[in-house]
PDB file of N, CA and C in Angstrom:
ATOM      1  N   MET A   1     -17.430-198.684  20.703  1.00  0.00           N
ATOM      2  CA  MET A   1     -16.427-199.042  20.090  1.00  0.00           C
ATOM      3  C   MET A   1     -17.019-199.956  18.674  1.00  0.00           C
ATOM      4  N   GLY A   2     -16.091-199.682  17.633  1.00  0.00           N
ATOM      5  CA  GLY A   2     -16.653-200.073  16.184  1.00  0.00           C
ATOM      6  C   GLY A   2     -16.550-201.586  16.052  1.00  0.00           C
ATOM      7  N   SER A   3     -17.060-202.434  15.438  1.00  0.00           N
ATOM      8  CA  SER A   3     -17.037-203.983  15.557  1.00  0.00           C
ATOM      9  C   SER A   3     -15.589-204.598  15.228  1.00  0.00           C
ATOM     10  N   SER A   4     -14.849-203.745  14.267  1.00  0.00           N
ATOM     11  CA  SER A   4     -13.645-204.112  13.735  1.00  0.00           C
ATOM     12  C   SER A   4     -12.879-204.047  15.143  1.00  0.00           C
ATOM     13  N   LYS A   5     -13.156-202.549  15.864  1.00  0.00           N
ATOM     14  CA  LYS A   5     -12.153-202.790  16.752  1.00  0.00           C
ATOM     15  C   LYS A   5     -12.525-203.878  18.250  1.00  0.00           C
ATOM     16  N   ALA A   6     -13.845-203.961  18.309  1.00  0.00           N
ATOM     17  CA  ALA A   6     -14.443-205.000  19.142  1.00  0.00           C
ATOM     18  C   ALA A   6     -13.463-206.077  18.823  1.00  0.00           C
ATOM     19  N   LEU A   7     -13.536-206.763  17.725  1.00  0.00           N
ATOM     20  CA  LEU A   7     -12.951-208.172  17.191  1.00  0.00           C
ATOM     21  C   LEU A   7     -11.685-207.774  17.731  1.00  0.00           C
ATOM     22  N   GLN A   8     -10.929-206.872  17.056  1.00  0.00           N
ATOM     23  CA  GLN A   8      -9.462-206.578  17.531  1.00  0.00           C
ATOM     24  C   GLN A   8      -8.949-206.884  18.768  1.00  0.00           C
ATOM     25  N   ALA A   9      -9.952-206.070  19.764  1.00  0.00           N
ATOM     26  CA  ALA A   9      -9.521-205.903  20.980  1.00  0.00           C
ATOM     27  C   ALA A   9     -10.152-207.330  21.538  1.00  0.00           C
ATOM     28  N   ALA A  10     -11.102-208.144  21.226  1.00  0.00           N
ATOM     29  CA  ALA A  10     -11.072-209.358  21.845  1.00  0.00           C
ATOM     30  C   ALA A  10      -9.743-210.202  21.349  1.00  0.00           C
ATOM     31  N   LYS A  11      -9.456-210.340  20.042  1.00  0.00           N
ATOM     32  CA  LYS A  11      -8.510-211.082  19.849  1.00  0.00           C
ATOM     33  C   LYS A  11      -7.139-210.909  20.684  1.00  0.00           C
ATOM     34  N   VAL A  12      -7.012-209.477  20.674  1.00  0.00           N
ATOM     35  CA  VAL A  12      -5.804-209.343  21.417  1.00  0.00           C
ATOM     36  C   VAL A  12      -5.905-209.823  23.080  1.00  0.00           C
ATOM     37  N   TYR A  13      -6.951-209.693  23.842  1.00  0.00           N
ATOM     38  CA  TYR A  13      -7.342-210.077  24.965  1.00  0.00           C
ATOM     39  C   TYR A  13      -7.023-212.015  25.354  1.00  0.00           C
ATOM     40  N   ARG A  14      -7.784-212.602  23.917  1.00  0.00           N
ATOM     41  CA  ARG A  14      -7.591-214.216  23.872  1.00  0.00           C
ATOM     42  C   ARG A  14      -6.228-214.298  24.154  1.00  0.00           C
ATOM     43  N   HIS A  15      -5.248-213.586  23.093  1.00  0.00           N
ATOM     44  CA  HIS A  15      -3.839-214.036  23.259  1.00  0.00           C
ATOM     45  C   HIS A  15      -3.113-213.388  24.245  1.00  0.00           C
ATOM     46  N   LEU A  16      -3.516-212.671  24.946  1.00  0.00           N
ATOM     47  CA  LEU A  16      -3.080-212.215  26.353  1.00  0.00           C
ATOM     48  C   LEU A  16      -3.186-213.197  27.372  1.00  0.00           C
ATOM     49  N   LEU A  17      -4.916-213.452  27.405  1.00  0.00           N
ATOM     50  CA  LEU A  17      -5.151-214.393  28.775  1.00  0.00           C
ATOM     51  C   LEU A  17      -4.266-215.551  28.235  1.00  0.00           C
ATOM     52  N   LYS A  18      -4.370-216.065  26.859  1.00  0.00           N
ATOM     53  CA  LYS A  18      -3.381-217.550  26.746  1.00  0.00           C
ATOM     54  C   LYS A  18      -1.838-217.199  27.214  1.00  0.00           C
ATOM     55  N   ALA A  19      -1.543-216.416  26.859  1.00  0.00           N
ATOM     56  CA  ALA A  19       0.160-216.157  27.043  1.00  0.00           C
ATOM     57  C   ALA A  19       0.603-216.237  28.566  1.00  0.00           C
ATOM     58  N   VAL A  20      -0.577-215.556  29.477  1.00  0.00           N
ATOM     59  CA  VAL A  20      -0.551-215.319  30.822  1.00  0.00           C
ATOM     60  C   VAL A  20      -0.522-216.722  31.152  1.00  0.00           C
ATOM     61  N   LYS A  21      -1.666-217.434  30.796  1.00  0.00           N
ATOM     62  CA  LYS A  21      -1.864-218.752  31.248  1.00  0.00           C
ATOM     63  C   LYS A  21      -0.871-219.543  30.883  1.00  0.00           C
ATOM     64  N   LYS A  22       0.097-220.081  30.022  1.00  0.00           N
ATOM     65  CA  LYS A  22       0.848-220.500  29.719  1.00  0.00           C
ATOM     66  C   LYS A  22       2.147-220.032  30.308  1.00  0.00           C
ATOM     67  N   HIS A  23       2.658-218.885  30.372  1.00  0.00           N
ATOM     68  CA  HIS A  23       3.938-218.597  30.801  1.00  0.00           C
ATOM     69  C   HIS A  23       3.926-218.473  32.580  1.00  0.00           C
ATOM     70  N   ILE A  24       2.790-217.765  33.079  1.00  0.00           N
ATOM     71  CA  ILE A  24       2.704-217.373  34.294  1.00  0.00           C
ATOM     72  C   ILE A  24       2.167-218.651  35.231  1.00  0.00           C
ATOM     73  N   GLY A  25       1.057-219.018  34.629  1.00  0.00           N
ATOM     74  CA  GLY A  25       0.312-220.089  35.328  1.00  0.00           C
ATOM     75  C   GLY A  25      -1.168-219.874  35.651  1.00  0.00           C
ATOM     76  N   LYS A  26      -1.672-221.411  35.974  1.00  0.00           N
ATOM     77  CA  LYS A  26      -3.327-221.192  36.571  1.00  0.00           C
ATOM     78  C   LYS A  26      -3.334-221.421  38.038  1.00  0.00           C
ATOM     79  N   ASP A  27      -1.968-221.247  38.686  1.00  0.00           N
ATOM     80  CA  ASP A  27      -2.708-221.973  40.031  1.00  0.00           C
ATOM     81  C   ASP A  27      -3.532-220.892  40.758  1.00  0.00           C
ATOM     82  N   GLU A  28      -3.958-220.949  41.740  1.00  0.00           N
ATOM     83  CA  GLU A  28      -5.049-220.245  42.453  1.00  0.00           C
ATOM     84  C   GLU A  28      -4.284-219.187  42.930  1.00  0.00           C
ATOM     85  N   ASN A  29      -2.960-219.242  43.622  1.00  0.00           N
ATOM     86  CA  ASN A  29      -2.266-218.092  44.081  1.00  0.00           C
ATOM     87  C   ASN A  29      -1.850-216.662  42.813  1.00  0.00           C
ATOM     88  N   LYS A  30      -2.085-217.252  41.466  1.00  0.00           N
ATOM     89  CA  LYS A  30      -1.519-216.672  40.327  1.00  0.00           C
ATOM     90  C   LYS A  30      -3.091-215.729  39.513  1.00  0.00           C
ATOM     91  N   THR A  31      -4.135-216.277  40.184  1.00  0.00           N
ATOM     92  CA  THR A  31      -5.206-216.068  39.345  1.00  0.00           C
ATOM     93  C   THR A  31      -5.547-214.129  38.947  1.00  0.00           C
ATOM     94  N   HIS A  32      -4.660-213.557  40.109  1.00  0.00           N
ATOM     95  CA  HIS A  32      -4.780-212.206  40.083  1.00  0.00           C
ATOM     96  C   HIS A  32      -4.463-211.791  38.683  1.00  0.00           C
ATOM     97  N   PHE A  33      -3.473-211.813  38.142  1.00  0.00           N
ATOM     98  CA  PHE A  33      -2.840-212.117  36.847  1.00  0.00           C
ATOM     99  C   PHE A  33      -3.867-211.496  35.897  1.00  0.00           C
ATOM    100  N   THR A  34      -4.624-212.869  35.652  1.00  0.00           N
ATOM    101  CA  THR A  34      -6.125-212.373  34.981  1.00  0.00           C
ATOM    102  C   THR A  34      -7.141-211.984  35.147  1.00  0.00           C
ATOM    103  N   ASP A  35      -7.187-211.714  36.494  1.00  0.00           N
ATOM    104  CA  ASP A  35      -8.249-211.051  36.942  1.00  0.00           C
ATOM    105  C   ASP A  35      -8.253-209.336  36.690  1.00  0.00           C
ATOM    106  N   TYR A  36      -6.849-209.110  36.912  1.00  0.00           N
ATOM    107  CA  TYR A  36      -6.592-207.724  36.349  1.00  0.00           C
ATOM    108  C   TYR A  36      -6.646-207.499  34.990  1.00  0.00           C
ATOM    109  N   ILE A  37      -6.209-208.145  33.899  1.00  0.00           N
ATOM    110  CA  ILE A  37      -6.245-208.068  32.616  1.00  0.00           C
ATOM    111  C   ILE A  37      -7.997-208.145  32.327  1.00  0.00           C
ATOM    112  N   SER A  38      -8.648-209.138  33.004  1.00  0.00           N
ATOM    113  CA  SER A  38     -10.047-209.012  32.634  1.00  0.00           C
ATOM    114  C   SER A  38     -10.736-207.771  32.994  1.00  0.00           C
ATOM    115  N   GLN A  39     -10.623-207.195  33.978  1.00  0.00           N
ATOM    116  CA  GLN A  39     -11.052-206.092  34.498  1.00  0.00           C
ATOM    117  C   GLN A  39     -10.686-204.778  33.802  1.00  0.00           C
ATOM    118  N   GLN A  40      -9.628-204.710  33.102  1.00  0.00           N
ATOM    119  CA  GLN A  40      -9.061-203.600  32.568  1.00  0.00           C
ATOM    120  C   GLN A  40      -9.715-203.787  31.025  1.00  0.00           C
ATOM    121  N   PHE A  41      -9.703-204.690  30.533  1.00  0.00           N
ATOM    122  CA  PHE A  41     -10.855-204.831  28.668  1.00  0.00           C
ATOM    123  C   PHE A  41     -12.110-204.996  29.503  1.00  0.00           C
ATOM    124  N   ARG A  42     -12.717-205.201  30.377  1.00  0.00           N
ATOM    125  CA  ARG A  42     -13.755-204.786  30.828  1.00  0.00           C
ATOM    126  C   ARG A  42     -14.126-203.224  31.085  1.00  0.00           C
ATOM    127  N   ASN A  43     -13.253-202.413  31.721  1.00  0.00           N
ATOM    128  CA  ASN A  43     -13.508-201.166  32.003  1.00  0.00           C
ATOM    129  C   ASN A  43     -13.381-200.256  30.701  1.00  0.00           C
ATOM    130  N   ASN A  44     -12.501-200.800  29.651  1.00  0.00           N
ATOM    131  CA  ASN A  44     -12.620-200.070  28.481  1.00  0.00           C
ATOM    132  C   ASN A  44     -13.418-200.054  27.454  1.00  0.00           C
ATOM    133  N   THR A  45     -14.390-201.477  27.441  1.00  0.00           N
ATOM    134  CA  THR A  45     -15.431-201.952  26.553  1.00  0.00           C
ATOM    135  C   THR A  45     -16.756-201.070  27.257  1.00  0.00           C
ATOM    136  N   GLN A  46     -16.765-200.966  28.698  1.00  0.00           N
ATOM    137  CA  GLN A  46     -18.086-200.851  29.249  1.00  0.00           C
ATOM    138  C   GLN A  46     -18.050-199.059  29.024  1.00  0.00           C
ATOM    139  N   GLN A  47     -16.755-198.239  28.975  1.00  0.00           N
ATOM    140  CA  GLN A  47     -16.579-196.860  29.016  1.00  0.00           C
ATOM    141  C   GLN A  47     -16.701-196.182  27.510  1.00  0.00           C
ATOM    142  N   SER A  48     -17.849-195.724  27.227  1.00  0.00           N
ATOM    143  CA  SER A  48     -18.001-195.305  25.757  1.00  0.00           C
ATOM    144  C   SER A  48     -17.507-193.964  25.770  1.00  0.00           C
ATOM    145  N   ASP A  49     -16.795-193.161  26.708  1.00  0.00           N
ATOM    146  CA  ASP A  49     -16.796-192.222  26.721  1.00  0.00           C
ATOM    147  C   ASP A  49     -15.042-191.896  26.175  1.00  0.00           C
ATOM    148  N   LEU A  50     -14.370-192.823  26.223  1.00  0.00           N
ATOM    149  CA  LEU A  50     -12.985-193.011  26.317  1.00  0.00           C
ATOM    150  C   LEU A  50     -12.936-192.606  24.532  1.00  0.00           C
ATOM    151  N   SER A  51     -11.856-191.814  24.418  1.00  0.00           N
ATOM    152  CA  SER A  51     -11.544-191.465  23.059  1.00  0.00           C
ATOM    153  C   SER A  51     -10.610-192.986  22.212  1.00  0.00           C
ATOM    154  N   SER A  52     -11.080-192.990  21.046  1.00  0.00           N
ATOM    155  CA  SER A  52     -10.733-194.570  20.396  1.00  0.00           C
ATOM    156  C   SER A  52      -8.882-193.946  20.005  1.00  0.00           C
ATOM    157  N   THR A  53      -8.132-193.149  20.483  1.00  0.00           N
ATOM    158  CA  THR A  53      -6.904-192.912  20.330  1.00  0.00           C
ATOM    159  C   THR A  53      -6.220-193.652  21.942  1.00  0.00           C
ATOM    160  N   TYR A  54      -6.859-193.567  22.886  1.00  0.00           N
ATOM    161  CA  TYR A  54      -6.474-194.218  24.014  1.00  0.00           C
ATOM    162  C   TYR A  54      -6.996-195.722  23.940  1.00  0.00           C
ATOM    163  N   ILE A  55      -8.034-195.993  23.545  1.00  0.00           N
ATOM    164  CA  ILE A  55      -8.519-197.504  23.584  1.00  0.00           C
ATOM    165  C   ILE A  55      -7.311-197.827  22.370  1.00  0.00           C
ATOM    166  N   GLN A  56      -7.029-197.824  21.747  1.00  0.00           N
ATOM    167  CA  GLN A  56      -5.941-198.090  20.551  1.00  0.00           C
ATOM    168  C   GLN A  56      -4.630-198.111  21.193  1.00  0.00           C
ATOM    169  N   HIS A  57      -4.486-196.977  22.136  1.00  0.00           N
ATOM    170  CA  HIS A  57      -3.147-197.220  22.779  1.00  0.00           C
ATOM    171  C   HIS A  57      -2.819-198.579  23.901  1.00  0.00           C
ATOM    172  N   LYS A  58      -4.132-198.518  24.350  1.00  0.00           N
ATOM    173  CA  LYS A  58      -4.145-199.815  25.246  1.00  0.00           C
ATOM    174  C   LYS A  58      -3.943-201.168  24.613  1.00  0.00           C
ATOM    175  N   ILE A  59      -4.622-201.044  23.674  1.00  0.00           N
ATOM    176  CA  ILE A  59      -4.900-202.500  22.943  1.00  0.00           C
ATOM    177  C   ILE A  59      -3.525-202.952  22.238  1.00  0.00           C
ATOM    178  N   LYS A  60      -2.394-201.594  21.956  1.00  0.00           N
ATOM    179  CA  LYS A  60      -1.216-201.869  21.328  1.00  0.00           C
ATOM    180  C   LYS A  60      -0.224-202.062  22.637  1.00  0.00           C
ATOM    181  N   LEU A  61      -0.724-201.489  23.839  1.00  0.00           N
ATOM    182  CA  LEU A  61       0.325-202.146  24.890  1.00  0.00           C
ATOM    183  C   LEU A  61       0.029-203.636  25.485  1.00  0.00           C
ATOM    184  N   ALA A  62      -1.397-204.062  25.228  1.00  0.00           N
ATOM    185  CA  ALA A  62      -1.589-205.658  25.620  1.00  0.00           C
ATOM    186  C   ALA A  62      -0.971-206.490  24.836  1.00  0.00           C
ATOM    187  N   ARG A  63      -0.792-206.073  23.205  1.00  0.00           N
ATOM    188  CA  ARG A  63      -0.323-206.824  22.319  1.00  0.00           C
ATOM    189  C   ARG A  63       1.203-206.824  22.318  1.00  0.00           C
ATOM    190  N   ASP A  64       1.688-205.955  22.696  1.00  0.00           N
ATOM    191  CA  ASP A  64       3.004-205.691  23.053  1.00  0.00           C
ATOM    192  C   ASP A  64       3.904-206.239  24.106  1.00  0.00           C
ATOM    193  N   TYR A  65       2.448-206.236  25.455  1.00  0.00           N
ATOM    194  CA  TYR A  65       3.107-207.261  26.670  1.00  0.00           C
ATOM    195  C   TYR A  65       3.070-208.541  26.101  1.00  0.00           C
ATOM    196  N   THR A  66       2.071-208.775  25.197  1.00  0.00           N
ATOM    197  CA  THR A  66       1.783-210.434  24.916  1.00  0.00           C
ATOM    198  C   THR A  66       2.992-211.061  24.173  1.00  0.00           C
ATOM    199  N   PHE A  67       3.568-210.125  23.151  1.00  0.00           N
ATOM    200  CA  PHE A  67       4.586-210.429  22.410  1.00  0.00           C
ATOM    201  C   PHE A  67       6.189-210.535  23.192  1.00  0.00           C
ATOM    202  N   LEU A  68       6.287-209.493  24.491  1.00  0.00           N
ATOM    203  CA  LEU A  68       7.448-209.867  25.464  1.00  0.00           C
ATOM    204  C   LEU A  68       7.307-211.028  25.932  1.00  0.00           C
ATOM    205  N   LEU A  69       6.057-211.436  26.608  1.00  0.00           N
ATOM    206  CA  LEU A  69       5.874-212.231  27.529  1.00  0.00           C
ATOM    207  C   LEU A  69       6.230-213.621  26.672  1.00  0.00           C
ATOM    208  N   ASN A  70       6.164-213.946  25.437  1.00  0.00           N
ATOM    209  CA  ASN A  70       6.064-215.000  24.926  1.00  0.00           C
ATOM    210  C   ASN A  70       7.660-214.935  24.572  1.00  0.00           C
ATOM    211  N   SER A  71       8.195-213.816  24.134  1.00  0.00           N
ATOM    212  CA  SER A  71       9.540-214.103  23.608  1.00  0.00           C
ATOM    213  C   SER A  71      10.447-214.182  24.678  1.00  0.00           C
ATOM    214  N   VAL A  72      10.305-213.659  26.078  1.00  0.00           N
ATOM    215  CA  VAL A  72      10.908-213.902  26.840  1.00  0.00           C
ATOM    216  C   VAL A  72      11.552-215.541  27.448  1.00  0.00           C
ATOM    217  N   HIS A  73      10.024-215.871  27.476  1.00  0.00           N
ATOM    218  CA  HIS A  73      10.035-217.271  27.589  1.00  0.00           C
ATOM    219  C   HIS A  73      10.704-218.208  26.447  1.00  0.00           C
ATOM    220  N   HIS A  74      10.260-217.853  25.558  1.00  0.00           N
ATOM    221  CA  HIS A  74      11.399-218.494  24.174  1.00  0.00           C
ATOM    222  C   HIS A  74      12.808-218.545  24.381  1.00  0.00           C
ATOM    223  N   GLN A  75      12.706-217.162  24.831  1.00  0.00           N
ATOM    224  CA  GLN A  75      14.561-216.897  24.870  1.00  0.00           C
ATOM    225  C   GLN A  75      14.967-217.575  26.291  1.00  0.00           C
ATOM    226  N   MET A  76      14.318-217.856  27.034  1.00  0.00           N
ATOM    227  CA  MET A  76      14.490-218.943  28.314  1.00  0.00           C
ATOM    228  C   MET A  76      14.954-220.089  27.597  1.00  0.00           C
ATOM    229  N   ASP A  77      13.741-220.738  27.127  1.00  0.00           N
ATOM    230  CA  ASP A  77      13.795-222.095  26.816  1.00  0.00           C
ATOM    231  C   ASP A  77      15.087-222.120  25.598  1.00  0.00           C
ATOM    232  N   LEU A  78      15.510-221.406  24.943  1.00  0.00           N
ATOM    233  CA  LEU A  78      16.888-221.265  24.055  1.00  0.00           C
ATOM    234  C   LEU A  78      17.931-221.560  24.927  1.00  0.00           C
ATOM    235  N   LEU A  79      18.191-220.665  25.841  1.00  0.00           N
ATOM    236  CA  LEU A  79      19.317-220.763  26.835  1.00  0.00           C
ATOM    237  C   LEU A  79      19.534-221.734  27.723  1.00  0.00           C
ATOM    238  N   PHE A  80      18.231-222.455  27.765  1.00  0.00           N
ATOM    239  CA  PHE A  80      18.597-223.827  28.606  1.00  0.00           C
ATOM    240  C   PHE A  80      18.666-224.933  27.400  1.00  0.00           C
ATOM    241  N   SER A  81      18.397-224.608  26.258  1.00  0.00           N
ATOM    242  CA  SER A  81      18.888-225.897  25.172  1.00  0.00           C
ATOM    243  C   SER A  81      20.528-225.831  25.103  1.00  0.00           C
ATOM    244  N   TYR A  82      20.857-224.367  25.003  1.00  0.00           N
ATOM    245  CA  TYR A  82      22.129-224.415  24.627  1.00  0.00           C
ATOM    246  C   TYR A  82      22.735-224.656  25.869  1.00  0.00           C
ATOM    247  N   ASN A  83      22.515-224.524  26.655  1.00  0.00           N
ATOM    248  CA  ASN A  83      23.611-224.780  27.880  1.00  0.00           C
ATOM    249  C   ASN A  83      23.805-226.088  28.162  1.00  0.00           C
ATOM    250  N   ILE A  84      25.572-227.085  27.995  1.00  0.00           N
ATOM    251  CA  ILE A  84      25.478-228.249  27.849  1.00  0.00           C
ATOM    252  C   ILE A  84      25.978-228.826  29.083  1.00  0.00           C
ATOM    253  N   ALA A  85      26.397-227.831  30.169  1.00  0.00           N
ATOM    254  CA  ALA A  85      26.735-228.201  31.511  1.00  0.00           C
ATOM    255  C   ALA A  85      25.610-228.457  32.072  1.00  0.00           C
ATOM    256  N   VAL A  86      24.420-228.182  32.000  1.00  0.00           N
ATOM    257  CA  VAL A  86      23.255-228.783  32.645  1.00  0.00           C
ATOM    258  C   VAL A  86      22.676-230.218  32.338  1.00  0.00           C
ATOM    259  N   ASP A  87      22.514-230.847  33.464  1.00  0.00           N
ATOM    260  CA  ASP A  87      21.469-232.117  33.001  1.00  0.00           C
ATOM    261  C   ASP A  87      20.383-231.636  32.203  1.00  0.00           C
ATOM    262  N   ARG A  88      20.088-232.393  31.025  1.00  0.00           N
ATOM    263  CA  ARG A  88      19.502-232.103  30.221  1.00  0.00           C
ATOM    264  C   ARG A  88      18.331-233.174  30.409  1.00  0.00           C
ATOM    265  N   SER A  89      18.473-234.442  31.125  1.00  0.00           N
ATOM    266  CA  SER A  89      17.406-235.425  30.859  1.00  0.00           C
ATOM    267  C   SER A  89      16.056-235.374  31.385  1.00  0.00           C
ATOM    268  N   ASP A  90      16.026-234.194  32.303  1.00  0.00           N
ATOM    269  CA  ASP A  90      14.521-233.693  32.527  1.00  0.00           C
ATOM    270  C   ASP A  90      14.183-233.330  31.298  1.00  0.00           C
ATOM    271  N   GLU A  91      14.670-232.082  30.821  1.00  0.00           N
ATOM    272  CA  GLU A  91      14.045-231.432  29.384  1.00  0.00           C
ATOM    273  C   GLU A  91      13.940-232.412  28.250  1.00  0.00           C
ATOM    274  N   MET A  92      14.723-233.496  27.836  1.00  0.00           N
ATOM    275  CA  MET A  92      14.624-234.628  27.205  1.00  0.00           C
ATOM    276  C   MET A  92      13.212-235.476  27.244  1.00  0.00           C
ATOM    277  N   LYS A  93      13.414-235.502  28.648  1.00  0.00           N
ATOM    278  CA  LYS A  93      11.928-236.682  28.775  1.00  0.00           C
ATOM    279  C   LYS A  93      10.500-235.638  28.836  1.00  0.00           C
ATOM    280  N   ARG A  94      10.798-234.677  28.914  1.00  0.00           N
ATOM    281  CA  ARG A  94       9.580-233.489  28.346  1.00  0.00           C
ATOM    282  C   ARG A  94       9.399-233.420  26.753  1.00  0.00           C
ATOM    283  N   ILE A  95      10.636-233.462  26.205  1.00  0.00           N
ATOM    284  CA  ILE A  95      10.238-233.585  24.602  1.00  0.00           C
ATOM    285  C   ILE A  95       9.969-234.811  24.182  1.00  0.00           C
ATOM    286  N   LEU A  96      10.283-235.692  24.732  1.00  0.00           N
ATOM    287  CA  LEU A  96       9.867-237.269  24.530  1.00  0.00           C
ATOM    288  C   LEU A  96       8.505-237.113  24.846  1.00  0.00           C
ATOM    289  N   GLY A  97       8.226-236.534  25.827  1.00  0.00           N
ATOM    290  CA  GLY A  97       6.605-236.666  26.693  1.00  0.00           C
ATOM    291  C   GLY A  97       5.704-236.171  25.525  1.00  0.00           C
ATOM    292  N   LYS A  98       5.990-234.706  25.203  1.00  0.00           N
ATOM    293  CA  LYS A  98       5.341-234.015  24.204  1.00  0.00           C
ATOM    294  C   LYS A  98       5.336-234.523  22.734  1.00  0.00           C
ATOM    295  N   SER A  99       6.433-235.202  22.306  1.00  0.00           N
ATOM    296  CA  SER A  99       6.356-236.001  20.849  1.00  0.00           C
ATOM    297  C   SER A  99       5.307-237.014  20.808  1.00  0.00           C
ATOM    298  N   ALA A 100       5.092-238.000  21.853  1.00  0.00           N
ATOM    299  CA  ALA A 100       4.652-239.252  22.025  1.00  0.00           C
ATOM    300  C   ALA A 100       3.260-239.064  22.295  1.00  0.00           C
ATOM    301  N   ALA A 101       2.882-237.680  22.903  1.00  0.00           N
ATOM    302  CA  ALA A 101       1.593-237.492  23.168  1.00  0.00           C
ATOM    303  C   ALA A 101       0.684-236.694  21.906  1.00  0.00           C
ATOM    304  N   SER A 102       1.890-236.251  21.287  1.00  0.00           N
ATOM    305  CA  SER A 102       1.242-235.805  19.664  1.00  0.00           C
ATOM    306  C   SER A 102       0.761-236.576  19.002  1.00  0.00           C
ATOM    307  N   VAL A 103       0.941-237.981  19.091  1.00  0.00           N
ATOM    308  CA  VAL A 103       0.650-239.300  18.245  1.00  0.00           C
ATOM    309  C   VAL A 103      -0.268-239.856  19.358  1.00  0.00           C
ATOM    310  N   GLY A 104      -0.506-239.493  20.440  1.00  0.00           N
ATOM    311  CA  GLY A 104      -1.785-240.063  21.202  1.00  0.00           C
ATOM    312  C   GLY A 104      -1.034-241.697  21.957  1.00  0.00           C
ATOM    313  N   LEU A 105       0.198-241.278  22.329  1.00  0.00           N
ATOM    314  CA  LEU A 105       0.994-242.377  23.163  1.00  0.00           C
ATOM    315  C   LEU A 105       1.382-241.724  24.574  1.00  0.00           C
ATOM    316  N   GLN A 106       1.901-242.633  25.093  1.00  0.00           N
ATOM    317  CA  GLN A 106       2.134-241.856  26.730  1.00  0.00           C
ATOM    318  C   GLN A 106       3.435-243.163  26.915  1.00  0.00           C
ATOM    319  N   LEU A 107       4.388-242.289  27.533  1.00  0.00           N
ATOM    320  CA  LEU A 107       5.593-242.873  27.892  1.00  0.00           C
ATOM    321  C   LEU A 107       5.600-243.614  29.456  1.00  0.00           C
ATOM    322  N   PRO A 108       6.219-244.459  29.176  1.00  0.00           N
ATOM    323  CA  PRO A 108       6.127-245.416  30.794  1.00  0.00           C
ATOM    324  C   PRO A 108       6.786-244.612  31.659  1.00  0.00           C
ATOM    325  N   GLU A 109       6.329-245.126  33.047  1.00  0.00           N
ATOM    326  CA  GLU A 109       7.347-244.556  34.354  1.00  0.00           C
ATOM    327  C   GLU A 109       8.493-245.335  34.209  1.00  0.00           C
ATOM    328  N   VAL A 110       9.863-244.926  34.184  1.00  0.00           N
ATOM    329  CA  VAL A 110      10.816-245.778  34.218  1.00  0.00           C
ATOM    330  C   VAL A 110      11.062-245.971  36.001  1.00  0.00           C
ATOM    331  N   TYR A 111      11.360-247.295  36.063  1.00  0.00           N
ATOM    332  CA  TYR A 111      11.832-247.879  37.559  1.00  0.00           C
ATOM    333  C   TYR A 111      12.856-247.446  37.975  1.00  0.00           C
ATOM    334  N   GLN A 112      12.800-246.965  38.756  1.00  0.00           N
ATOM    335  CA  GLN A 112      13.945-246.215  39.667  1.00  0.00           C
ATOM    336  C   GLN A 112      14.296-246.963  41.356  1.00  0.00           C
ATOM    337  N   PRO A 113      15.330-248.057  41.216  1.00  0.00           N
ATOM    338  CA  PRO A 113      15.284-248.730  42.677  1.00  0.00           C
ATOM    339  C   PRO A 113      15.703-247.631  43.910  1.00  0.00           C
TER     340      PRO A 113
END
């Protein structure tokens, strides 16, 4: 692979792994997702006899899957935020916790008897 194609593949690989870890999880029972992705990228980089169009097709599929995964979870978040019939206190706690963490603070635990 050329250096520009290798850099492009590495960038797509990083984005795909980041999306999988964020939206699917990093638990021990979910490592087969990241293992499969790593195996596919290693196989394609080690085999030099693959055509350039095949590699570009695989990179495009990985990019499209990353976009799909991020979009589906973004849409789920939007749907949950629009539903006013659902108790949103847990969502608000999560949002407030993220806001506090962004400035280096931590929300105190609320006492519930």
